[in-house]
Amino acid sequence: MDTDAVFRALADASRRRLLDSLHRKNGQNLGELCQGLAMSRQAVAKHLSILEQANLVSIQWQGREKLHFINPVPIHDIAERWIGKFERTRLAALSALKTTLEGEDHAE
């Protein structure tokens, strides 16, 4: 896995939005992925190409239609390597505490 390519691909907010869209509904074509984005079809295609090169998106042809699918494996590998080395239990406890405290602030 080319970790640098994955981090570069994830560094761009537009590409993260595309991944979020594929996470909500996997197997979208270019037209579907363009909906709701303030960028040209060509720009979306370029972002998808970068995601494909980083192995974050795979494609499947269905007739003449090119469908895009999220590939969660590189993100999982990064999580295991970079996040997993920290104590998950401690991070989970801190996250729960933060959520609890923020919930109390919003209740006032």
PDB file of N, CA and C in Angstrom:
ATOM      1  N   MET A   1       0.847  -1.186   0.000  1.00  0.00           N
ATOM      2  CA  MET A   1       0.000   0.000   0.000  1.00  0.00           C
ATOM      3  C   MET A   1       0.884   1.238   0.000  1.00  0.00           C
ATOM      4  N   ASP A   2       0.540   2.198  -0.831  1.00  0.00           N
ATOM      5  CA  ASP A   2       1.249   3.474  -0.882  1.00  0.00           C
ATOM      6  C   ASP A   2       0.570   4.432   0.094  1.00  0.00           C
ATOM      7  N   THR A   3       1.068   4.433   1.327  1.00  0.00           N
ATOM      8  CA  THR A   3       0.473   5.240   2.383  1.00  0.00           C
ATOM      9  C   THR A   3       0.489   6.722   2.032  1.00  0.00           C
ATOM     10  N   ASP A   4       1.581   7.185   1.408  1.00  0.00           N
ATOM     11  CA  ASP A   4       1.670   8.598   1.031  1.00  0.00           C
ATOM     12  C   ASP A   4       0.548   8.984   0.071  1.00  0.00           C
ATOM     13  N   ALA A   5       0.262   8.124  -0.905  1.00  0.00           N
ATOM     14  CA  ALA A   5      -0.806   8.410  -1.868  1.00  0.00           C
ATOM     15  C   ALA A   5      -2.165   8.470  -1.175  1.00  0.00           C
ATOM     16  N   VAL A   6      -2.368   7.599  -0.193  1.00  0.00           N
ATOM     17  CA  VAL A   6      -3.641   7.595   0.542  1.00  0.00           C
ATOM     18  C   VAL A   6      -3.779   8.887   1.339  1.00  0.00           C
ATOM     19  N   PHE A   7      -2.708   9.273   2.054  1.00  0.00           N
ATOM     20  CA  PHE A   7      -2.773  10.516   2.831  1.00  0.00           C
ATOM     21  C   PHE A   7      -2.964  11.727   1.925  1.00  0.00           C
ATOM     22  N   ARG A   8      -2.279  11.752   0.771  1.00  0.00           N
ATOM     23  CA  ARG A   8      -2.458  12.879  -0.167  1.00  0.00           C
ATOM     24  C   ARG A   8      -3.898  12.929  -0.666  1.00  0.00           C
ATOM     25  N   ALA A   9      -4.452  11.777  -0.980  1.00  0.00           N
ATOM     26  CA  ALA A   9      -5.830  11.729  -1.477  1.00  0.00           C
ATOM     27  C   ALA A   9      -6.813  12.189  -0.404  1.00  0.00           C
ATOM     28  N   LEU A  10      -6.581  11.781   0.829  1.00  0.00           N
ATOM     29  CA  LEU A  10      -7.487  12.144   1.922  1.00  0.00           C
ATOM     30  C   LEU A  10      -7.305  13.581   2.389  1.00  0.00           C
ATOM     31  N   ALA A  11      -6.213  14.216   1.992  1.00  0.00           N
ATOM     32  CA  ALA A  11      -5.932  15.585   2.440  1.00  0.00           C
ATOM     33  C   ALA A  11      -6.885  16.607   1.821  1.00  0.00           C
ATOM     34  N   ASP A  12      -7.532  16.254   0.725  1.00  0.00           N
ATOM     35  CA  ASP A  12      -8.396  17.197   0.024  1.00  0.00           C
ATOM     36  C   ASP A  12      -9.853  17.021   0.467  1.00  0.00           C
ATOM     37  N   ALA A  13     -10.489  18.108   0.867  1.00  0.00           N
ATOM     38  CA  ALA A  13     -11.873  18.064   1.357  1.00  0.00           C
ATOM     39  C   ALA A  13     -12.848  17.572   0.282  1.00  0.00           C
ATOM     40  N   SER A  14     -12.625  17.932  -0.970  1.00  0.00           N
ATOM     41  CA  SER A  14     -13.526  17.481  -2.044  1.00  0.00           C
ATOM     42  C   SER A  14     -13.472  15.968  -2.199  1.00  0.00           C
ATOM     43  N   ARG A  15     -12.285  15.410  -2.099  1.00  0.00           N
ATOM     44  CA  ARG A  15     -12.164  13.951  -2.212  1.00  0.00           C
ATOM     45  C   ARG A  15     -12.790  13.260  -1.002  1.00  0.00           C
ATOM     46  N   ARG A  16     -12.658  13.858   0.170  1.00  0.00           N
ATOM     47  CA  ARG A  16     -13.319  13.277   1.346  1.00  0.00           C
ATOM     48  C   ARG A  16     -14.832  13.319   1.181  1.00  0.00           C
ATOM     49  N   ARG A  17     -15.365  14.401   0.580  1.00  0.00           N
ATOM     50  CA  ARG A  17     -16.812  14.470   0.324  1.00  0.00           C
ATOM     51  C   ARG A  17     -17.246  13.372  -0.651  1.00  0.00           C
ATOM     52  N   LEU A  18     -16.427  13.113  -1.659  1.00  0.00           N
ATOM     53  CA  LEU A  18     -16.755  12.040  -2.600  1.00  0.00           C
ATOM     54  C   LEU A  18     -16.771  10.687  -1.888  1.00  0.00           C
ATOM     55  N   LEU A  19     -15.801  10.457  -1.012  1.00  0.00           N
ATOM     56  CA  LEU A  19     -15.785   9.204  -0.250  1.00  0.00           C
ATOM     57  C   LEU A  19     -16.995   9.110   0.670  1.00  0.00           C
ATOM     58  N   ASP A  20     -17.374  10.233   1.280  1.00  0.00           N
ATOM     59  CA  ASP A  20     -18.579  10.244   2.123  1.00  0.00           C
ATOM     60  C   ASP A  20     -19.814   9.894   1.302  1.00  0.00           C
ATOM     61  N   SER A  21     -19.882  10.431   0.091  1.00  0.00           N
ATOM     62  CA  SER A  21     -21.017  10.144  -0.786  1.00  0.00           C
ATOM     63  C   SER A  21     -21.059   8.654  -1.137  1.00  0.00           C
ATOM     64  N   LEU A  22     -19.895   8.078  -1.427  1.00  0.00           N
ATOM     65  CA  LEU A  22     -19.844   6.649  -1.738  1.00  0.00           C
ATOM     66  C   LEU A  22     -20.133   5.801  -0.506  1.00  0.00           C
ATOM     67  N   HIS A  23     -19.789   6.307   0.652  1.00  0.00           N
ATOM     68  CA  HIS A  23     -20.104   5.567   1.874  1.00  0.00           C
ATOM     69  C   HIS A  23     -21.613   5.522   2.090  1.00  0.00           C
ATOM     70  N   ARG A  24     -22.297   6.630   1.779  1.00  0.00           N
ATOM     71  CA  ARG A  24     -23.755   6.663   1.909  1.00  0.00           C
ATOM     72  C   ARG A  24     -24.433   5.764   0.880  1.00  0.00           C
ATOM     73  N   LYS A  25     -23.924   5.811  -0.368  1.00  0.00           N
ATOM     74  CA  LYS A  25     -24.511   5.007  -1.442  1.00  0.00           C
ATOM     75  C   LYS A  25     -23.379   4.551  -2.363  1.00  0.00           C
ATOM     76  N   ASN A  26     -22.986   3.335  -2.209  1.00  0.00           N
ATOM     77  CA  ASN A  26     -21.887   2.793  -2.995  1.00  0.00           C
ATOM     78  C   ASN A  26     -22.354   2.484  -4.414  1.00  0.00           C
ATOM     79  N   GLY A  27     -21.441   2.525  -5.373  1.00  0.00           N
ATOM     80  CA  GLY A  27     -21.771   2.162  -6.745  1.00  0.00           C
ATOM     81  C   GLY A  27     -22.408   3.274  -7.551  1.00  0.00           C
ATOM     82  N   GLN A  28     -21.926   4.509  -7.367  1.00  0.00           N
ATOM     83  CA  GLN A  28     -22.487   5.646  -8.100  1.00  0.00           C
ATOM     84  C   GLN A  28     -21.695   5.911  -9.375  1.00  0.00           C
ATOM     85  N   ASN A  29     -22.394   6.458 -10.367  1.00  0.00           N
ATOM     86  CA  ASN A  29     -21.709   6.892 -11.577  1.00  0.00           C
ATOM     87  C   ASN A  29     -21.262   8.346 -11.403  1.00  0.00           C
ATOM     88  N   LEU A  30     -20.546   8.860 -12.374  1.00  0.00           N
ATOM     89  CA  LEU A  30     -20.006  10.211 -12.284  1.00  0.00           C
ATOM     90  C   LEU A  30     -21.110  11.250 -12.112  1.00  0.00           C
ATOM     91  N   GLY A  31     -22.188  11.119 -12.851  1.00  0.00           N
ATOM     92  CA  GLY A  31     -23.293  12.073 -12.751  1.00  0.00           C
ATOM     93  C   GLY A  31     -23.882  12.129 -11.353  1.00  0.00           C
ATOM     94  N   GLU A  32     -24.070  10.973 -10.746  1.00  0.00           N
ATOM     95  CA  GLU A  32     -24.611  10.932  -9.386  1.00  0.00           C
ATOM     96  C   GLU A  32     -23.645  11.585  -8.399  1.00  0.00           C
ATOM     97  N   LEU A  33     -22.364  11.321  -8.579  1.00  0.00           N
ATOM     98  CA  LEU A  33     -21.366  11.886  -7.668  1.00  0.00           C
ATOM     99  C   LEU A  33     -21.234  13.399  -7.822  1.00  0.00           C
ATOM    100  N   CYS A  34     -21.557  13.928  -8.987  1.00  0.00           N
ATOM    101  CA  CYS A  34     -21.476  15.372  -9.232  1.00  0.00           C
ATOM    102  C   CYS A  34     -22.613  16.142  -8.556  1.00  0.00           C
ATOM    103  N   GLN A  35     -23.738  15.473  -8.317  1.00  0.00           N
ATOM    104  CA  GLN A  35     -24.900  16.146  -7.742  1.00  0.00           C
ATOM    105  C   GLN A  35     -24.567  16.733  -6.374  1.00  0.00           C
ATOM    106  N   GLY A  36     -24.912  17.989  -6.201  1.00  0.00           N
ATOM    107  CA  GLY A  36     -24.709  18.658  -4.928  1.00  0.00           C
ATOM    108  C   GLY A  36     -23.302  19.201  -4.715  1.00  0.00           C
ATOM    109  N   LEU A  37     -22.433  19.025  -5.694  1.00  0.00           N
ATOM    110  CA  LEU A  37     -21.068  19.547  -5.573  1.00  0.00           C
ATOM    111  C   LEU A  37     -20.921  20.783  -6.448  1.00  0.00           C
ATOM    112  N   ALA A  38     -20.250  21.769  -5.935  1.00  0.00           N
ATOM    113  CA  ALA A  38     -20.034  23.012  -6.677  1.00  0.00           C
ATOM    114  C   ALA A  38     -18.731  22.928  -7.456  1.00  0.00           C
ATOM    115  N   MET A  39     -18.647  21.919  -8.341  1.00  0.00           N
ATOM    116  CA  MET A  39     -17.473  21.792  -9.196  1.00  0.00           C
ATOM    117  C   MET A  39     -17.870  21.127 -10.504  1.00  0.00           C
ATOM    118  N   SER A  40     -17.041  21.314 -11.487  1.00  0.00           N
ATOM    119  CA  SER A  40     -17.352  20.772 -12.808  1.00  0.00           C
ATOM    120  C   SER A  40     -17.232  19.252 -12.824  1.00  0.00           C
ATOM    121  N   ARG A  41     -17.851  18.669 -13.814  1.00  0.00           N
ATOM    122  CA  ARG A  41     -17.780  17.217 -14.016  1.00  0.00           C
ATOM    123  C   ARG A  41     -16.327  16.777 -14.187  1.00  0.00           C
ATOM    124  N   GLN A  42     -15.543  17.590 -14.909  1.00  0.00           N
ATOM    125  CA  GLN A  42     -14.132  17.274 -15.128  1.00  0.00           C
ATOM    126  C   GLN A  42     -13.347  17.292 -13.823  1.00  0.00           C
ATOM    127  N   ALA A  43     -13.656  18.235 -12.941  1.00  0.00           N
ATOM    128  CA  ALA A  43     -12.971  18.313 -11.645  1.00  0.00           C
ATOM    129  C   ALA A  43     -13.302  17.085 -10.793  1.00  0.00           C
ATOM    130  N   VAL A  44     -14.566  16.680 -10.791  1.00  0.00           N
ATOM    131  CA  VAL A  44     -14.960  15.484 -10.037  1.00  0.00           C
ATOM    132  C   VAL A  44     -14.245  14.264 -10.600  1.00  0.00           C
ATOM    133  N   ALA A  45     -14.176  14.158 -11.923  1.00  0.00           N
ATOM    134  CA  ALA A  45     -13.486  13.029 -12.552  1.00  0.00           C
ATOM    135  C   ALA A  45     -12.005  13.007 -12.165  1.00  0.00           C
ATOM    136  N   LYS A  46     -11.384  14.173 -12.090  1.00  0.00           N
ATOM    137  CA  LYS A  46      -9.969  14.247 -11.700  1.00  0.00           C
ATOM    138  C   LYS A  46      -9.795  13.788 -10.248  1.00  0.00           C
ATOM    139  N   HIS A  47     -10.679  14.238  -9.369  1.00  0.00           N
ATOM    140  CA  HIS A  47     -10.615  13.804  -7.967  1.00  0.00           C
ATOM    141  C   HIS A  47     -10.824  12.290  -7.856  1.00  0.00           C
ATOM    142  N   LEU A  48     -11.758  11.755  -8.626  1.00  0.00           N
ATOM    143  CA  LEU A  48     -11.994  10.311  -8.610  1.00  0.00           C
ATOM    144  C   LEU A  48     -10.769   9.546  -9.100  1.00  0.00           C
ATOM    145  N   SER A  49     -10.078  10.094 -10.093  1.00  0.00           N
ATOM    146  CA  SER A  49      -8.866   9.460 -10.599  1.00  0.00           C
ATOM    147  C   SER A  49      -7.791   9.377  -9.514  1.00  0.00           C
ATOM    148  N   ILE A  50      -7.652  10.439  -8.744  1.00  0.00           N
ATOM    149  CA  ILE A  50      -6.682  10.447  -7.646  1.00  0.00           C
ATOM    150  C   ILE A  50      -7.075   9.420  -6.585  1.00  0.00           C
ATOM    151  N   LEU A  51      -8.373   9.330  -6.289  1.00  0.00           N
ATOM    152  CA  LEU A  51      -8.842   8.336  -5.327  1.00  0.00           C
ATOM    153  C   LEU A  51      -8.616   6.913  -5.840  1.00  0.00           C
ATOM    154  N   GLU A  52      -8.783   6.711  -7.146  1.00  0.00           N
ATOM    155  CA  GLU A  52      -8.522   5.397  -7.744  1.00  0.00           C
ATOM    156  C   GLU A  52      -7.041   5.054  -7.648  1.00  0.00           C
ATOM    157  N   GLN A  53      -6.173   6.016  -7.949  1.00  0.00           N
ATOM    158  CA  GLN A  53      -4.731   5.782  -7.879  1.00  0.00           C
ATOM    159  C   GLN A  53      -4.283   5.426  -6.465  1.00  0.00           C
ATOM    160  N   ALA A  54      -4.960   5.992  -5.471  1.00  0.00           N
ATOM    161  CA  ALA A  54      -4.639   5.697  -4.069  1.00  0.00           C
ATOM    162  C   ALA A  54      -5.332   4.413  -3.594  1.00  0.00           C
ATOM    163  N   ASN A  55      -6.075   3.769  -4.470  1.00  0.00           N
ATOM    164  CA  ASN A  55      -6.808   2.535  -4.185  1.00  0.00           C
ATOM    165  C   ASN A  55      -7.937   2.746  -3.167  1.00  0.00           C
ATOM    166  N   LEU A  56      -8.427   3.972  -3.066  1.00  0.00           N
ATOM    167  CA  LEU A  56      -9.541   4.269  -2.169  1.00  0.00           C
ATOM    168  C   LEU A  56     -10.886   4.082  -2.864  1.00  0.00           C
ATOM    169  N   VAL A  57     -10.852   4.076  -4.183  1.00  0.00           N
ATOM    170  CA  VAL A  57     -12.056   3.877  -4.992  1.00  0.00           C
ATOM    171  C   VAL A  57     -11.724   2.855  -6.068  1.00  0.00           C
ATOM    172  N   SER A  58     -12.635   1.933  -6.278  1.00  0.00           N
ATOM    173  CA  SER A  58     -12.488   0.990  -7.384  1.00  0.00           C
ATOM    174  C   SER A  58     -13.646   1.226  -8.351  1.00  0.00           C
ATOM    175  N   ILE A  59     -13.460   0.789  -9.562  1.00  0.00           N
ATOM    176  CA  ILE A  59     -14.505   0.986 -10.567  1.00  0.00           C
ATOM    177  C   ILE A  59     -14.980  -0.360 -11.097  1.00  0.00           C
ATOM    178  N   GLN A  60     -16.188  -0.330 -11.577  1.00  0.00           N
ATOM    179  CA  GLN A  60     -16.769  -1.507 -12.215  1.00  0.00           C
ATOM    180  C   GLN A  60     -17.617  -1.005 -13.369  1.00  0.00           C
ATOM    181  N   TRP A  61     -17.394  -1.588 -14.523  1.00  0.00           N
ATOM    182  CA  TRP A  61     -18.200  -1.215 -15.684  1.00  0.00           C
ATOM    183  C   TRP A  61     -19.456  -2.055 -15.702  1.00  0.00           C
ATOM    184  N   GLN A  62     -20.579  -1.384 -15.876  1.00  0.00           N
ATOM    185  CA  GLN A  62     -21.866  -2.042 -16.029  1.00  0.00           C
ATOM    186  C   GLN A  62     -22.414  -1.567 -17.366  1.00  0.00           C
ATOM    187  N   GLY A  63     -22.153  -2.339 -18.391  1.00  0.00           N
ATOM    188  CA  GLY A  63     -22.455  -1.881 -19.749  1.00  0.00           C
ATOM    189  C   GLY A  63     -21.530  -0.727 -20.088  1.00  0.00           C
ATOM    190  N   ARG A  64     -22.107   0.406 -20.451  1.00  0.00           N
ATOM    191  CA  ARG A  64     -21.305   1.596 -20.760  1.00  0.00           C
ATOM    192  C   ARG A  64     -21.189   2.535 -19.564  1.00  0.00           C
ATOM    193  N   GLU A  65     -21.732   2.123 -18.438  1.00  0.00           N
ATOM    194  CA  GLU A  65     -21.726   2.961 -17.243  1.00  0.00           C
ATOM    195  C   GLU A  65     -20.588   2.554 -16.309  1.00  0.00           C
ATOM    196  N   LYS A  66     -19.825   3.545 -15.892  1.00  0.00           N
ATOM    197  CA  LYS A  66     -18.703   3.330 -14.977  1.00  0.00           C
ATOM    198  C   LYS A  66     -19.173   3.631 -13.555  1.00  0.00           C
ATOM    199  N   LEU A  67     -19.198   2.607 -12.715  1.00  0.00           N
ATOM    200  CA  LEU A  67     -19.650   2.770 -11.339  1.00  0.00           C
ATOM    201  C   LEU A  67     -18.446   2.825 -10.403  1.00  0.00           C
ATOM    202  N   HIS A  68     -18.557   3.663  -9.386  1.00  0.00           N
ATOM    203  CA  HIS A  68     -17.465   3.867  -8.429  1.00  0.00           C
ATOM    204  C   HIS A  68     -17.863   3.270  -7.081  1.00  0.00           C
ATOM    205  N   PHE A  69     -16.921   2.561  -6.477  1.00  0.00           N
ATOM    206  CA  PHE A  69     -17.146   1.909  -5.195  1.00  0.00           C
ATOM    207  C   PHE A  69     -16.024   2.280  -4.238  1.00  0.00           C
ATOM    208  N   ILE A  70     -16.378   2.527  -2.986  1.00  0.00           N
ATOM    209  CA  ILE A  70     -15.372   2.841  -1.981  1.00  0.00           C
ATOM    210  C   ILE A  70     -14.628   1.556  -1.610  1.00  0.00           C
ATOM    211  N   ASN A  71     -13.338   1.697  -1.412  1.00  0.00           N
ATOM    212  CA  ASN A  71     -12.513   0.589  -0.942  1.00  0.00           C
ATOM    213  C   ASN A  71     -12.023   0.961   0.455  1.00  0.00           C
ATOM    214  N   PRO A  72     -12.589   0.386   1.499  1.00  0.00           N
ATOM    215  CA  PRO A  72     -12.232   0.775   2.860  1.00  0.00           C
ATOM    216  C   PRO A  72     -10.907   0.202   3.360  1.00  0.00           C
ATOM    217  N   VAL A  73     -10.301  -0.705   2.620  1.00  0.00           N
ATOM    218  CA  VAL A  73      -9.092  -1.382   3.098  1.00  0.00           C
ATOM    219  C   VAL A  73      -7.937  -0.412   3.384  1.00  0.00           C
ATOM    220  N   PRO A  74      -7.594   0.525   2.474  1.00  0.00           N
ATOM    221  CA  PRO A  74      -6.483   1.436   2.798  1.00  0.00           C
ATOM    222  C   PRO A  74      -6.741   2.293   4.033  1.00  0.00           C
ATOM    223  N   ILE A  75      -7.991   2.711   4.240  1.00  0.00           N
ATOM    224  CA  ILE A  75      -8.312   3.516   5.420  1.00  0.00           C
ATOM    225  C   ILE A  75      -8.183   2.644   6.673  1.00  0.00           C
ATOM    226  N   HIS A  76      -8.619   1.418   6.593  1.00  0.00           N
ATOM    227  CA  HIS A  76      -8.479   0.491   7.715  1.00  0.00           C
ATOM    228  C   HIS A  76      -7.004   0.256   8.036  1.00  0.00           C
ATOM    229  N   ASP A  77      -6.199   0.066   7.006  1.00  0.00           N
ATOM    230  CA  ASP A  77      -4.762  -0.150   7.220  1.00  0.00           C
ATOM    231  C   ASP A  77      -4.118   1.040   7.918  1.00  0.00           C
ATOM    232  N   ILE A  78      -4.501   2.241   7.511  1.00  0.00           N
ATOM    233  CA  ILE A  78      -3.975   3.448   8.160  1.00  0.00           C
ATOM    234  C   ILE A  78      -4.436   3.509   9.615  1.00  0.00           C
ATOM    235  N   ALA A  79      -5.691   3.199   9.836  1.00  0.00           N
ATOM    236  CA  ALA A  79      -6.206   3.214  11.205  1.00  0.00           C
ATOM    237  C   ALA A  79      -5.443   2.227  12.071  1.00  0.00           C
ATOM    238  N   GLU A  80      -5.181   1.049  11.553  1.00  0.00           N
ATOM    239  CA  GLU A  80      -4.450   0.044  12.315  1.00  0.00           C
ATOM    240  C   GLU A  80      -3.018   0.484  12.593  1.00  0.00           C
ATOM    241  N   ARG A  81      -2.384   1.056  11.601  1.00  0.00           N
ATOM    242  CA  ARG A  81      -0.982   1.433  11.756  1.00  0.00           C
ATOM    243  C   ARG A  81      -0.800   2.711  12.568  1.00  0.00           C
ATOM    244  N   TRP A  82      -1.591   3.737  12.283  1.00  0.00           N
ATOM    245  CA  TRP A  82      -1.359   5.043  12.888  1.00  0.00           C
ATOM    246  C   TRP A  82      -2.220   5.322  14.098  1.00  0.00           C
ATOM    247  N   ILE A  83      -3.415   4.799  14.122  1.00  0.00           N
ATOM    248  CA  ILE A  83      -4.301   5.052  15.252  1.00  0.00           C
ATOM    249  C   ILE A  83      -4.256   3.875  16.222  1.00  0.00           C
ATOM    250  N   GLY A  84      -4.153   2.686  15.695  1.00  0.00           N
ATOM    251  CA  GLY A  84      -4.148   1.483  16.516  1.00  0.00           C
ATOM    252  C   GLY A  84      -2.993   1.404  17.488  1.00  0.00           C
ATOM    253  N   LYS A  85      -1.898   2.083  17.183  1.00  0.00           N
ATOM    254  CA  LYS A  85      -0.755   2.006  18.090  1.00  0.00           C
ATOM    255  C   LYS A  85      -1.007   2.752  19.394  1.00  0.00           C
ATOM    256  N   PHE A  86      -1.976   3.633  19.415  1.00  0.00           N
ATOM    257  CA  PHE A  86      -2.339   4.316  20.645  1.00  0.00           C
ATOM    258  C   PHE A  86      -3.306   3.439  21.419  1.00  0.00           C
ATOM    259  N   GLU A  87      -3.418   3.658  22.651  1.00  0.00           N
ATOM    260  CA  GLU A  87      -4.289   2.832  23.481  1.00  0.00           C
ATOM    261  C   GLU A  87      -5.752   3.109  23.146  1.00  0.00           C
ATOM    262  N   ARG A  88      -6.389   2.146  22.506  1.00  0.00           N
ATOM    263  CA  ARG A  88      -7.787   2.307  22.099  1.00  0.00           C
ATOM    264  C   ARG A  88      -8.703   2.523  23.301  1.00  0.00           C
ATOM    265  N   THR A  89      -8.456   1.801  24.368  1.00  0.00           N
ATOM    266  CA  THR A  89      -9.308   1.918  25.548  1.00  0.00           C
ATOM    267  C   THR A  89      -9.249   3.332  26.106  1.00  0.00           C
ATOM    268  N   ARG A  90      -8.048   3.872  26.208  1.00  0.00           N
ATOM    269  CA  ARG A  90      -7.896   5.236  26.734  1.00  0.00           C
ATOM    270  C   ARG A  90      -8.563   6.248  25.799  1.00  0.00           C
ATOM    271  N   LEU A  91      -8.365   6.085  24.492  1.00  0.00           N
ATOM    272  CA  LEU A  91      -8.983   7.004  23.536  1.00  0.00           C
ATOM    273  C   LEU A  91     -10.503   6.909  23.577  1.00  0.00           C
ATOM    274  N   ALA A  92     -11.018   5.711  23.722  1.00  0.00           N
ATOM    275  CA  ALA A  92     -12.474   5.537  23.796  1.00  0.00           C
ATOM    276  C   ALA A  92     -13.026   6.210  25.058  1.00  0.00           C
ATOM    277  N   ALA A  93     -12.302   6.069  26.182  1.00  0.00           N
ATOM    278  CA  ALA A  93     -12.747   6.695  27.432  1.00  0.00           C
ATOM    279  C   ALA A  93     -12.729   8.214  27.314  1.00  0.00           C
ATOM    280  N   LEU A  94     -11.686   8.755  26.713  1.00  0.00           N
ATOM    281  CA  LEU A  94     -11.605  10.205  26.529  1.00  0.00           C
ATOM    282  C   LEU A  94     -12.700  10.704  25.592  1.00  0.00           C
ATOM    283  N   SER A  95     -12.962   9.955  24.554  1.00  0.00           N
ATOM    284  CA  SER A  95     -14.017  10.331  23.613  1.00  0.00           C
ATOM    285  C   SER A  95     -15.386  10.320  24.300  1.00  0.00           C
ATOM    286  N   ALA A  96     -15.627   9.297  25.106  1.00  0.00           N
ATOM    287  CA  ALA A  96     -16.902   9.213  25.831  1.00  0.00           C
ATOM    288  C   ALA A  96     -17.040  10.372  26.819  1.00  0.00           C
ATOM    289  N   LEU A  97     -15.950  10.700  27.500  1.00  0.00           N
ATOM    290  CA  LEU A  97     -15.971  11.819  28.438  1.00  0.00           C
ATOM    291  C   LEU A  97     -16.265  13.130  27.714  1.00  0.00           C
ATOM    292  N   LYS A  98     -15.617  13.332  26.573  1.00  0.00           N
ATOM    293  CA  LYS A  98     -15.837  14.544  25.784  1.00  0.00           C
ATOM    294  C   LYS A  98     -17.303  14.643  25.355  1.00  0.00           C
ATOM    295  N   THR A  99     -17.858  13.547  24.871  1.00  0.00           N
ATOM    296  CA  THR A  99     -19.257  13.523  24.440  1.00  0.00           C
ATOM    297  C   THR A  99     -20.192  13.840  25.603  1.00  0.00           C
ATOM    298  N   THR A 100     -19.909  13.256  26.757  1.00  0.00           N
ATOM    299  CA  THR A 100     -20.732  13.503  27.947  1.00  0.00           C
ATOM    300  C   THR A 100     -20.669  14.970  28.355  1.00  0.00           C
ATOM    301  N   LEU A 101     -19.459  15.509  28.409  1.00  0.00           N
ATOM    302  CA  LEU A 101     -19.298  16.900  28.814  1.00  0.00           C
ATOM    303  C   LEU A 101     -19.940  17.862  27.818  1.00  0.00           C
ATOM    304  N   GLU A 102     -19.789  17.584  26.545  1.00  0.00           N
ATOM    305  CA  GLU A 102     -20.415  18.439  25.536  1.00  0.00           C
ATOM    306  C   GLU A 102     -21.924  18.348  25.618  1.00  0.00           C
ATOM    307  N   GLY A 103     -22.437  17.175  25.940  1.00  0.00           N
ATOM    308  CA  GLY A 103     -23.881  17.002  26.087  1.00  0.00           C
ATOM    309  C   GLY A 103     -24.428  17.801  27.249  1.00  0.00           C
ATOM    310  N   GLU A 104     -23.662  17.870  28.352  1.00  0.00           N
ATOM    311  CA  GLU A 104     -24.083  18.657  29.492  1.00  0.00           C
ATOM    312  C   GLU A 104     -24.064  20.143  29.186  1.00  0.00           C
ATOM    313  N   ASP A 105     -23.071  20.590  28.388  1.00  0.00           N
ATOM    314  CA  ASP A 105     -22.996  22.007  28.004  1.00  0.00           C
ATOM    315  C   ASP A 105     -24.195  22.398  27.161  1.00  0.00           C
ATOM    316  N   HIS A 106     -24.629  21.504  26.280  1.00  0.00           N
ATOM    317  CA  HIS A 106     -25.754  21.812  25.382  1.00  0.00           C
ATOM    318  C   HIS A 106     -27.083  21.782  26.116  1.00  0.00           C
ATOM    319  N   ALA A 107     -27.140  21.112  27.282  1.00  0.00           N
ATOM    320  CA  ALA A 107     -28.389  20.997  28.032  1.00  0.00           C
ATOM    321  C   ALA A 107     -28.715  22.288  28.780  1.00  0.00           C
ATOM    322  N   GLU A 108     -27.718  23.113  29.024  1.00  0.00           N
ATOM    323  CA  GLU A 108     -27.951  24.340  29.798  1.00  0.00           C
ATOM    324  C   GLU A 108     -28.645  25.412  29.008  1.00  0.00           C
TER     325      GLU A 108
END
